Amino acid sequence: QPLVRPPTPEYALVHAVETQEHDVTDAVRLLQKLLRGRAVQNMMFEGKERRSELIAELRAADDQLALQRRHQATIRHRDIEEATERVAEAARTRAEGEVVSEMLDFLSKELSRSREVAKMRAFVTNAAEQRRVREVEEGGRRQAEDLLREREDEVFRRVTLVHQETARDFVADILDDVTLEQAHSQALRELHVRSAGVDGIVLRLEDALDSDETVVRELVASFLLPHVQRQHVRRQVAQEQKKYVTAAHALLVEVAASMSQPTSKPNRSPEDEDATPSSE
């Protein structure tokens, strides 16, 4: 059985018909609204005409009330302006008072500060003047002390030189006396030794020490044993120095003892005076 194709609807025709129907419906509705609005306007106009006196009376009452309200508003506005002016005047007066008070306080503080600064400046100037005077006085005192110290140092130096020269002369005199006494005693001892017959023995010993064999033996010993010889020489030199040091120490002790106690020069005997030229 062959298929039957359904009829194809015509969209443009259907849409045109529906659009025409909608346009008619909208026109009818608009006309109804216009008629109703016109009827309402006629009713309002008729009511207005009927109540015109009442409307005029109400308008007059409203105008009177509005006038009263405007008058009250004007009075209220004037009161507000006056209150604002009073508040502004009070604020201005208060601000002026605060400014004047702060200015007077600032001027008072500045005056106090200026007085304090002047007082401190005067104090600093006075202190500087006193310090300058003290420095001048201290400089003069220090200069006088320096001059006095230099004078005392010069006096002390001269006194010290005098004492040193006196001590040197005194020690030199004592050493001369001691040297003369020691030389005299040594001469007497040598004289006694020579007179006792020791001269021959001393001469023989000197000859023996000065002989050729002795000199050769000493040279050989010095070549063979230089270190021993040097040690021996050093030992002899040390002994000699020790002897001289001991003698000098004893001499200084005697000089110190003689300086601490006044001593008189020893009287020389005629025999010593006779023996001195022979020893020389």
C-alpha atoms as a PDB file:
ATOM      1  CA  GLN A   1       0.000   0.000   0.000  1.00  0.00           C
ATOM      2  CA  PRO A   2       1.533   3.336  -0.960  1.00  0.00           C
ATOM      3  CA  LEU A   3       2.209   5.937   1.704  1.00  0.00           C
ATOM      4  CA  VAL A   4      -0.101   8.942   1.827  1.00  0.00           C
ATOM      5  CA  ARG A   5       1.645  12.223   2.319  1.00  0.00           C
ATOM      6  CA  PRO A   6      -0.174  14.566   4.720  1.00  0.00           C
ATOM      7  CA  PRO A   7      -1.059  17.975   3.470  1.00  0.00           C
ATOM      8  CA  THR A   8       1.582  20.642   3.993  1.00  0.00           C
ATOM      9  CA  PRO A   9       0.207  23.575   6.000  1.00  0.00           C
ATOM     10  CA  GLU A  10       0.660  27.020   4.593  1.00  0.00           C
ATOM     11  CA  TYR A  11       2.437  28.968   7.358  1.00  0.00           C
ATOM     12  CA  ALA A  12       2.312  32.389   5.798  1.00  0.00           C
ATOM     13  CA  LEU A  13      -1.441  32.336   5.353  1.00  0.00           C
ATOM     14  CA  VAL A  14      -2.077  31.061   8.864  1.00  0.00           C
ATOM     15  CA  HIS A  15       0.292  33.670  10.355  1.00  0.00           C
ATOM     16  CA  ALA A  16      -1.372  36.455   8.412  1.00  0.00           C
ATOM     17  CA  VAL A  17      -4.812  35.398   9.597  1.00  0.00           C
ATOM     18  CA  GLU A  18      -3.692  35.180  13.229  1.00  0.00           C
ATOM     19  CA  THR A  19      -1.947  38.563  13.005  1.00  0.00           C
ATOM     20  CA  GLN A  20      -5.083  40.179  11.597  1.00  0.00           C
ATOM     21  CA  GLU A  21      -7.171  38.725  14.397  1.00  0.00           C
ATOM     22  CA  HIS A  22      -4.737  40.011  17.045  1.00  0.00           C
ATOM     23  CA  ASP A  23      -4.723  43.473  15.521  1.00  0.00           C
ATOM     24  CA  VAL A  24      -8.509  43.649  15.616  1.00  0.00           C
ATOM     25  CA  THR A  25      -8.531  42.498  19.231  1.00  0.00           C
ATOM     26  CA  ASP A  26      -5.942  45.101  20.231  1.00  0.00           C
ATOM     27  CA  ALA A  27      -7.868  47.849  18.465  1.00  0.00           C
ATOM     28  CA  VAL A  28     -11.056  46.890  20.242  1.00  0.00           C
ATOM     29  CA  ARG A  29      -9.298  46.905  23.619  1.00  0.00           C
ATOM     30  CA  LEU A  30      -7.736  50.306  22.954  1.00  0.00           C
ATOM     31  CA  LEU A  31     -11.071  51.749  21.948  1.00  0.00           C
ATOM     32  CA  GLN A  32     -12.651  50.383  25.117  1.00  0.00           C
ATOM     33  CA  LYS A  33      -9.912  51.982  27.260  1.00  0.00           C
ATOM     34  CA  LEU A  34     -10.345  55.325  25.519  1.00  0.00           C
ATOM     35  CA  LEU A  35     -14.095  55.280  25.987  1.00  0.00           C
ATOM     36  CA  ARG A  36     -13.770  54.363  29.647  1.00  0.00           C
ATOM     37  CA  GLY A  37     -11.192  57.089  30.245  1.00  0.00           C
ATOM     38  CA  ARG A  38     -13.339  59.663  28.510  1.00  0.00           C
ATOM     39  CA  ALA A  39     -16.303  58.636  30.638  1.00  0.00           C
ATOM     40  CA  VAL A  40     -14.250  58.973  33.804  1.00  0.00           C
ATOM     41  CA  GLN A  41     -13.062  62.420  32.710  1.00  0.00           C
ATOM     42  CA  ASN A  42     -16.659  63.491  32.064  1.00  0.00           C
ATOM     43  CA  MET A  43     -17.691  62.196  35.484  1.00  0.00           C
ATOM     44  CA  MET A  44     -14.817  64.061  37.150  1.00  0.00           C
ATOM     45  CA  PHE A  45     -15.642  67.274  35.293  1.00  0.00           C
ATOM     46  CA  GLU A  46     -19.307  67.018  36.229  1.00  0.00           C
ATOM     47  CA  GLY A  47     -18.367  66.353  39.888  1.00  0.00           C
ATOM     48  CA  LYS A  48     -15.981  69.304  39.798  1.00  0.00           C
ATOM     49  CA  GLU A  49     -18.666  71.551  38.449  1.00  0.00           C
ATOM     50  CA  ARG A  50     -21.075  70.381  41.077  1.00  0.00           C
ATOM     51  CA  ARG A  51     -18.586  70.836  43.952  1.00  0.00           C
ATOM     52  CA  SER A  52     -16.899  73.995  42.692  1.00  0.00           C
ATOM     53  CA  GLU A  53     -17.925  76.055  45.727  1.00  0.00           C
ATOM     54  CA  LEU A  54     -16.671  73.379  48.108  1.00  0.00           C
ATOM     55  CA  ILE A  55     -13.443  73.156  46.135  1.00  0.00           C
ATOM     56  CA  ALA A  56     -13.058  76.931  46.276  1.00  0.00           C
ATOM     57  CA  GLU A  57     -13.689  76.901  50.019  1.00  0.00           C
ATOM     58  CA  LEU A  58     -11.197  74.082  50.516  1.00  0.00           C
ATOM     59  CA  ARG A  59      -8.672  75.897  48.352  1.00  0.00           C
ATOM     60  CA  ALA A  60      -9.159  79.060  50.410  1.00  0.00           C
ATOM     61  CA  ALA A  61      -8.709  77.076  53.636  1.00  0.00           C
ATOM     62  CA  ASP A  62      -5.656  75.402  52.162  1.00  0.00           C
ATOM     63  CA  ASP A  63      -4.290  78.776  51.087  1.00  0.00           C
ATOM     64  CA  GLN A  64      -4.859  80.138  54.594  1.00  0.00           C
ATOM     65  CA  LEU A  65      -3.233  77.079  56.120  1.00  0.00           C
ATOM     66  CA  ALA A  66      -0.379  77.316  53.644  1.00  0.00           C
ATOM     67  CA  LEU A  67       0.009  81.005  54.477  1.00  0.00           C
ATOM     68  CA  GLN A  68       0.096  80.176  58.180  1.00  0.00           C
ATOM     69  CA  ARG A  69       2.585  77.417  57.509  1.00  0.00           C
ATOM     70  CA  ARG A  70       4.727  79.750  55.430  1.00  0.00           C
ATOM     71  CA  HIS A  71       4.513  82.362  58.188  1.00  0.00           C
ATOM     72  CA  GLN A  72       5.441  79.765  60.825  1.00  0.00           C
ATOM     73  CA  ALA A  73       8.208  78.485  58.591  1.00  0.00           C
ATOM     74  CA  THR A  74       9.452  82.043  58.170  1.00  0.00           C
ATOM     75  CA  ILE A  75       9.339  82.605  61.940  1.00  0.00           C
ATOM     76  CA  ARG A  76      11.006  79.245  62.521  1.00  0.00           C
ATOM     77  CA  HIS A  77      13.632  80.005  59.897  1.00  0.00           C
ATOM     78  CA  ARG A  78      14.239  83.420  61.458  1.00  0.00           C
ATOM     79  CA  ASP A  79      14.505  81.819  64.905  1.00  0.00           C
ATOM     80  CA  ILE A  80      16.898  79.219  63.532  1.00  0.00           C
ATOM     81  CA  GLU A  81      18.944  81.944  61.861  1.00  0.00           C
ATOM     82  CA  GLU A  82      18.980  83.964  65.079  1.00  0.00           C
ATOM     83  CA  ALA A  83      19.954  80.872  67.108  1.00  0.00           C
ATOM     84  CA  THR A  84      22.600  80.024  64.525  1.00  0.00           C
ATOM     85  CA  GLU A  85      23.845  83.589  64.662  1.00  0.00           C
ATOM     86  CA  ARG A  86      23.949  83.453  68.456  1.00  0.00           C
ATOM     87  CA  VAL A  87      25.751  80.106  68.369  1.00  0.00           C
ATOM     88  CA  ALA A  88      28.161  81.439  65.748  1.00  0.00           C
ATOM     89  CA  GLU A  89      28.710  84.578  67.782  1.00  0.00           C
ATOM     90  CA  ALA A  90      29.307  82.491  70.906  1.00  0.00           C
ATOM     91  CA  ALA A  91      31.659  80.194  69.000  1.00  0.00           C
ATOM     92  CA  ARG A  92      33.445  83.198  67.490  1.00  0.00           C
ATOM     93  CA  THR A  93      33.681  84.842  70.900  1.00  0.00           C
ATOM     94  CA  ARG A  94      34.944  81.587  72.410  1.00  0.00           C
ATOM     95  CA  ALA A  95      37.447  81.122  69.607  1.00  0.00           C
ATOM     96  CA  GLU A  96      38.621  84.704  69.994  1.00  0.00           C
ATOM     97  CA  GLY A  97      38.905  84.175  73.741  1.00  0.00           C
ATOM     98  CA  GLU A  98      40.872  80.954  73.226  1.00  0.00           C
ATOM     99  CA  VAL A  99      43.122  82.619  70.661  1.00  0.00           C
ATOM    100  CA  VAL A 100      43.661  85.637  72.898  1.00  0.00           C
ATOM    101  CA  SER A 101      44.253  83.339  75.895  1.00  0.00           C
ATOM    102  CA  GLU A 102      46.720  81.192  73.950  1.00  0.00           C
ATOM    103  CA  MET A 103      48.439  84.308  72.627  1.00  0.00           C
ATOM    104  CA  LEU A 104      48.680  85.808  76.105  1.00  0.00           C
ATOM    105  CA  ASP A 105      49.942  82.463  77.447  1.00  0.00           C
ATOM    106  CA  PHE A 106      52.487  82.266  74.616  1.00  0.00           C
ATOM    107  CA  LEU A 107      53.590  85.858  75.222  1.00  0.00           C
ATOM    108  CA  SER A 108      53.864  85.164  78.956  1.00  0.00           C
ATOM    109  CA  LYS A 109      55.932  82.038  78.303  1.00  0.00           C
ATOM    110  CA  GLU A 110      58.082  83.907  75.787  1.00  0.00           C
ATOM    111  CA  LEU A 111      58.616  86.676  78.337  1.00  0.00           C
ATOM    112  CA  SER A 112      59.592  84.106  80.982  1.00  0.00           C
ATOM    113  CA  ARG A 113      61.850  82.342  78.488  1.00  0.00           C
ATOM    114  CA  SER A 114      63.437  85.642  77.467  1.00  0.00           C
ATOM    115  CA  ARG A 115      64.060  86.466  81.112  1.00  0.00           C
ATOM    116  CA  GLU A 116      65.540  83.002  81.703  1.00  0.00           C
ATOM    117  CA  VAL A 117      67.693  83.332  78.572  1.00  0.00           C
ATOM    118  CA  ALA A 118      68.874  86.763  79.696  1.00  0.00           C
ATOM    119  CA  LYS A 119      69.578  85.383  83.165  1.00  0.00           C
ATOM    120  CA  MET A 120      71.474  82.390  81.721  1.00  0.00           C
ATOM    121  CA  ARG A 121      73.380  84.671  79.344  1.00  0.00           C
ATOM    122  CA  ALA A 122      74.324  86.930  82.250  1.00  0.00           C
ATOM    123  CA  PHE A 123      75.302  83.866  84.300  1.00  0.00           C
ATOM    124  CA  VAL A 124      77.407  82.490  81.422  1.00  0.00           C
ATOM    125  CA  THR A 125      79.039  85.883  80.888  1.00  0.00           C
ATOM    126  CA  ASN A 126      79.771  86.197  84.600  1.00  0.00           C
ATOM    127  CA  ALA A 127      81.115  82.635  84.719  1.00  0.00           C
ATOM    128  CA  ALA A 128      83.299  83.289  81.665  1.00  0.00           C
ATOM    129  CA  GLU A 129      84.598  86.494  83.232  1.00  0.00           C
ATOM    130  CA  GLN A 130      85.316  84.724  86.524  1.00  0.00           C
ATOM    131  CA  ARG A 131      87.006  81.865  84.667  1.00  0.00           C
ATOM    132  CA  ARG A 132      89.118  84.339  82.697  1.00  0.00           C
ATOM    133  CA  VAL A 133      90.086  86.119  85.931  1.00  0.00           C
ATOM    134  CA  ARG A 134      90.882  82.763  87.571  1.00  0.00           C
ATOM    135  CA  GLU A 135      92.894  81.703  84.535  1.00  0.00           C
ATOM    136  CA  VAL A 136      94.836  84.967  84.649  1.00  0.00           C
ATOM    137  CA  GLU A 137      95.405  84.576  88.390  1.00  0.00           C
ATOM    138  CA  GLU A 138      96.292  80.911  87.962  1.00  0.00           C
ATOM    139  CA  GLY A 139      98.635  81.796  85.086  1.00  0.00           C
ATOM    140  CA  GLY A 140     100.349  84.439  87.230  1.00  0.00           C
ATOM    141  CA  ARG A 141     100.525  82.057  90.175  1.00  0.00           C
ATOM    142  CA  ARG A 142     101.856  79.266  87.956  1.00  0.00           C
ATOM    143  CA  GLN A 143     104.413  81.625  86.431  1.00  0.00           C
ATOM    144  CA  ALA A 144     105.470  82.763  89.899  1.00  0.00           C
ATOM    145  CA  GLU A 145     105.664  79.131  91.030  1.00  0.00           C
ATOM    146  CA  ASP A 146     107.686  78.243  87.929  1.00  0.00           C
ATOM    147  CA  LEU A 147     110.060  81.136  88.581  1.00  0.00           C
ATOM    148  CA  LEU A 148     110.332  80.151  92.245  1.00  0.00           C
ATOM    149  CA  ARG A 149     110.834  76.503  91.277  1.00  0.00           C
ATOM    150  CA  GLU A 150     113.500  77.453  88.744  1.00  0.00           C
ATOM    151  CA  ARG A 151     115.171  79.643  91.345  1.00  0.00           C
ATOM    152  CA  GLU A 152     115.021  76.852  93.929  1.00  0.00           C
ATOM    153  CA  ASP A 153     116.291  74.354  91.336  1.00  0.00           C
ATOM    154  CA  GLU A 154     119.148  76.702  90.491  1.00  0.00           C
ATOM    155  CA  VAL A 155     119.932  77.185  94.191  1.00  0.00           C
ATOM    156  CA  PHE A 156     119.720  73.424  94.770  1.00  0.00           C
ATOM    157  CA  ARG A 157     121.909  72.770  91.734  1.00  0.00           C
ATOM    158  CA  ARG A 158     124.505  75.248  92.928  1.00  0.00           C
ATOM    159  CA  VAL A 159     124.370  73.925  96.492  1.00  0.00           C
ATOM    160  CA  THR A 160     124.660  70.386  95.103  1.00  0.00           C
ATOM    161  CA  LEU A 161     127.637  71.423  93.006  1.00  0.00           C
ATOM    162  CA  VAL A 162     129.220  73.052  96.047  1.00  0.00           C
ATOM    163  CA  HIS A 163     128.564  69.919  98.120  1.00  0.00           C
ATOM    164  CA  GLN A 164     129.885  67.689  95.351  1.00  0.00           C
ATOM    165  CA  GLU A 165     132.991  69.799  94.944  1.00  0.00           C
ATOM    166  CA  THR A 166     133.451  69.907  98.719  1.00  0.00           C
ATOM    167  CA  ALA A 167     132.953  66.132  98.989  1.00  0.00           C
ATOM    168  CA  ARG A 168     135.231  65.567  96.009  1.00  0.00           C
ATOM    169  CA  ASP A 169     137.940  67.760  97.541  1.00  0.00           C
ATOM    170  CA  PHE A 170     137.440  66.103 100.906  1.00  0.00           C
ATOM    171  CA  VAL A 171     137.615  62.599  99.403  1.00  0.00           C
ATOM    172  CA  ALA A 172     140.602  63.640  97.303  1.00  0.00           C
ATOM    173  CA  ASP A 173     142.363  64.930 100.419  1.00  0.00           C
ATOM    174  CA  ILE A 174     141.529  61.722 102.282  1.00  0.00           C
ATOM    175  CA  LEU A 175     142.677  59.583  99.337  1.00  0.00           C
ATOM    176  CA  ASP A 176     145.875  61.587  99.100  1.00  0.00           C
ATOM    177  CA  ASP A 177     146.484  61.107 102.811  1.00  0.00           C
ATOM    178  CA  VAL A 178     145.636  57.400 102.633  1.00  0.00           C
ATOM    179  CA  THR A 179     147.771  56.962  99.512  1.00  0.00           C
ATOM    180  CA  LEU A 180     150.689  58.657 101.176  1.00  0.00           C
ATOM    181  CA  GLU A 181     150.228  56.538 104.271  1.00  0.00           C
ATOM    182  CA  GLN A 182     149.949  53.330 102.208  1.00  0.00           C
ATOM    183  CA  ALA A 183     152.983  54.272 100.131  1.00  0.00           C
ATOM    184  CA  HIS A 184     154.902  55.073 103.272  1.00  0.00           C
ATOM    185  CA  SER A 185     153.892  51.781 104.868  1.00  0.00           C
ATOM    186  CA  GLN A 186     154.721  49.830 101.691  1.00  0.00           C
ATOM    187  CA  ALA A 187     158.089  51.543 101.477  1.00  0.00           C
ATOM    188  CA  LEU A 188     158.800  50.677 105.106  1.00  0.00           C
ATOM    189  CA  ARG A 189     157.831  47.031 104.512  1.00  0.00           C
ATOM    190  CA  GLU A 190     160.007  46.772 101.407  1.00  0.00           C
ATOM    191  CA  LEU A 191     162.823  48.411 103.310  1.00  0.00           C
ATOM    192  CA  HIS A 192     162.490  45.906 106.114  1.00  0.00           C
ATOM    193  CA  VAL A 193     162.308  42.984 103.631  1.00  0.00           C
ATOM    194  CA  ARG A 194     165.371  44.133 101.765  1.00  0.00           C
ATOM    195  CA  SER A 195     167.169  44.738 104.990  1.00  0.00           C
ATOM    196  CA  ALA A 196     166.317  41.192 106.160  1.00  0.00           C
ATOM    197  CA  GLY A 197     168.156  39.549 103.255  1.00  0.00           C
ATOM    198  CA  VAL A 198     165.189  38.674 101.093  1.00  0.00           C
ATOM    199  CA  ASP A 199     166.525  40.688  98.208  1.00  0.00           C
ATOM    200  CA  GLY A 200     168.808  37.895  97.130  1.00  0.00           C
ATOM    201  CA  ILE A 201     166.039  35.339  97.077  1.00  0.00           C
ATOM    202  CA  VAL A 202     163.785  37.693  95.130  1.00  0.00           C
ATOM    203  CA  LEU A 203     166.544  38.396  92.650  1.00  0.00           C
ATOM    204  CA  ARG A 204     167.233  34.684  92.158  1.00  0.00           C
ATOM    205  CA  LEU A 205     163.543  34.015  91.595  1.00  0.00           C
ATOM    206  CA  GLU A 206     163.324  36.839  89.090  1.00  0.00           C
ATOM    207  CA  ASP A 207     166.398  35.528  87.284  1.00  0.00           C
ATOM    208  CA  ALA A 208     164.918  32.053  87.240  1.00  0.00           C
ATOM    209  CA  LEU A 209     161.640  33.319  85.851  1.00  0.00           C
ATOM    210  CA  ASP A 210     163.414  35.465  83.272  1.00  0.00           C
ATOM    211  CA  SER A 211     165.738  32.668  82.055  1.00  0.00           C
ATOM    212  CA  ASP A 212     165.589  31.296  78.485  1.00  0.00           C
ATOM    213  CA  GLU A 213     164.394  27.870  79.549  1.00  0.00           C
ATOM    214  CA  THR A 214     161.494  29.340  81.457  1.00  0.00           C
ATOM    215  CA  VAL A 215     160.509  31.536  78.516  1.00  0.00           C
ATOM    216  CA  VAL A 216     160.711  28.583  76.086  1.00  0.00           C
ATOM    217  CA  ARG A 217     158.701  26.393  78.434  1.00  0.00           C
ATOM    218  CA  GLU A 218     156.003  29.026  78.756  1.00  0.00           C
ATOM    219  CA  LEU A 219     155.878  29.514  74.966  1.00  0.00           C
ATOM    220  CA  VAL A 220     155.556  25.774  74.374  1.00  0.00           C
ATOM    221  CA  ALA A 221     152.887  25.545  77.046  1.00  0.00           C
ATOM    222  CA  SER A 222     151.029  28.469  75.458  1.00  0.00           C
ATOM    223  CA  PHE A 223     151.188  26.762  72.034  1.00  0.00           C
ATOM    224  CA  LEU A 224     150.214  23.351  73.342  1.00  0.00           C
ATOM    225  CA  LEU A 225     147.618  24.409  75.879  1.00  0.00           C
ATOM    226  CA  PRO A 226     146.171  27.781  74.774  1.00  0.00           C
ATOM    227  CA  HIS A 227     142.830  27.212  76.374  1.00  0.00           C
ATOM    228  CA  VAL A 228     144.357  26.260  79.705  1.00  0.00           C
ATOM    229  CA  GLN A 229     146.674  29.218  79.465  1.00  0.00           C
ATOM    230  CA  ARG A 230     143.784  31.564  78.736  1.00  0.00           C
ATOM    231  CA  GLN A 231     141.818  30.152  81.629  1.00  0.00           C
ATOM    232  CA  HIS A 232     144.839  30.535  83.877  1.00  0.00           C
ATOM    233  CA  VAL A 233     145.350  34.136  82.730  1.00  0.00           C
ATOM    234  CA  ARG A 234     141.691  34.917  83.233  1.00  0.00           C
ATOM    235  CA  ARG A 235     141.822  33.402  86.694  1.00  0.00           C
ATOM    236  CA  GLN A 236     144.875  35.466  87.573  1.00  0.00           C
ATOM    237  CA  VAL A 237     143.257  38.639  86.195  1.00  0.00           C
ATOM    238  CA  ALA A 238     140.097  37.891  88.175  1.00  0.00           C
ATOM    239  CA  GLN A 239     142.155  37.354  91.313  1.00  0.00           C
ATOM    240  CA  GLU A 240     144.019  40.602  90.712  1.00  0.00           C
ATOM    241  CA  GLN A 241     140.770  42.475  90.085  1.00  0.00           C
ATOM    242  CA  LYS A 242     139.212  40.905  93.147  1.00  0.00           C
ATOM    243  CA  LYS A 243     142.207  41.977  95.176  1.00  0.00           C
ATOM    244  CA  TYR A 244     141.933  45.529  93.883  1.00  0.00           C
ATOM    245  CA  VAL A 245     138.178  45.574  94.392  1.00  0.00           C
ATOM    246  CA  THR A 246     138.598  44.307  97.942  1.00  0.00           C
ATOM    247  CA  ALA A 247     141.226  46.942  98.618  1.00  0.00           C
ATOM    248  CA  ALA A 248     139.048  49.679  97.115  1.00  0.00           C
ATOM    249  CA  HIS A 249     136.060  48.483  99.150  1.00  0.00           C
ATOM    250  CA  ALA A 250     138.105  48.498 102.345  1.00  0.00           C
ATOM    251  CA  LEU A 251     139.431  51.933 101.449  1.00  0.00           C
ATOM    252  CA  LEU A 252     135.907  53.250 100.892  1.00  0.00           C
ATOM    253  CA  VAL A 253     134.797  51.761 104.201  1.00  0.00           C
ATOM    254  CA  GLU A 254     137.695  53.475 105.937  1.00  0.00           C
ATOM    255  CA  VAL A 255     136.893  56.749 104.139  1.00  0.00           C
ATOM    256  CA  ALA A 256     133.242  56.495 105.155  1.00  0.00           C
ATOM    257  CA  ALA A 257     134.245  55.795 108.746  1.00  0.00           C
ATOM    258  CA  SER A 258     136.666  58.700 108.715  1.00  0.00           C
ATOM    259  CA  MET A 259     133.962  60.973 107.246  1.00  0.00           C
ATOM    260  CA  SER A 260     131.455  59.927 109.892  1.00  0.00           C
ATOM    261  CA  GLN A 261     133.959  60.582 112.706  1.00  0.00           C
ATOM    262  CA  PRO A 262     136.373  63.551 112.753  1.00  0.00           C
ATOM    263  CA  THR A 263     139.907  62.262 112.608  1.00  0.00           C
ATOM    264  CA  SER A 264     143.235  64.022 112.837  1.00  0.00           C
ATOM    265  CA  LYS A 265     146.116  63.358 110.515  1.00  0.00           C
ATOM    266  CA  PRO A 266     148.690  60.921 111.981  1.00  0.00           C
ATOM    267  CA  ASN A 267     151.875  62.443 113.211  1.00  0.00           C
ATOM    268  CA  ARG A 268     154.862  61.175 111.305  1.00  0.00           C
ATOM    269  CA  SER A 269     157.937  60.153 113.220  1.00  0.00           C
ATOM    270  CA  PRO A 270     161.356  61.437 112.248  1.00  0.00           C
ATOM    271  CA  GLU A 271     162.343  57.884 111.273  1.00  0.00           C
ATOM    272  CA  ASP A 272     159.472  57.688 108.785  1.00  0.00           C
ATOM    273  CA  GLU A 273     160.436  61.048 107.340  1.00  0.00           C
ATOM    274  CA  ASP A 274     164.018  59.875 107.001  1.00  0.00           C
ATOM    275  CA  ALA A 275     162.907  56.596 105.422  1.00  0.00           C
ATOM    276  CA  THR A 276     160.595  58.194 102.853  1.00  0.00           C
ATOM    277  CA  PRO A 277     163.336  59.676 100.621  1.00  0.00           C
ATOM    278  CA  SER A 278     165.227  56.410 100.668  1.00  0.00           C
ATOM    279  CA  SER A 279     162.079  54.503  99.559  1.00  0.00           C
ATOM    280  CA  GLU A 280     161.509  56.971  96.755  1.00  0.00           C
END
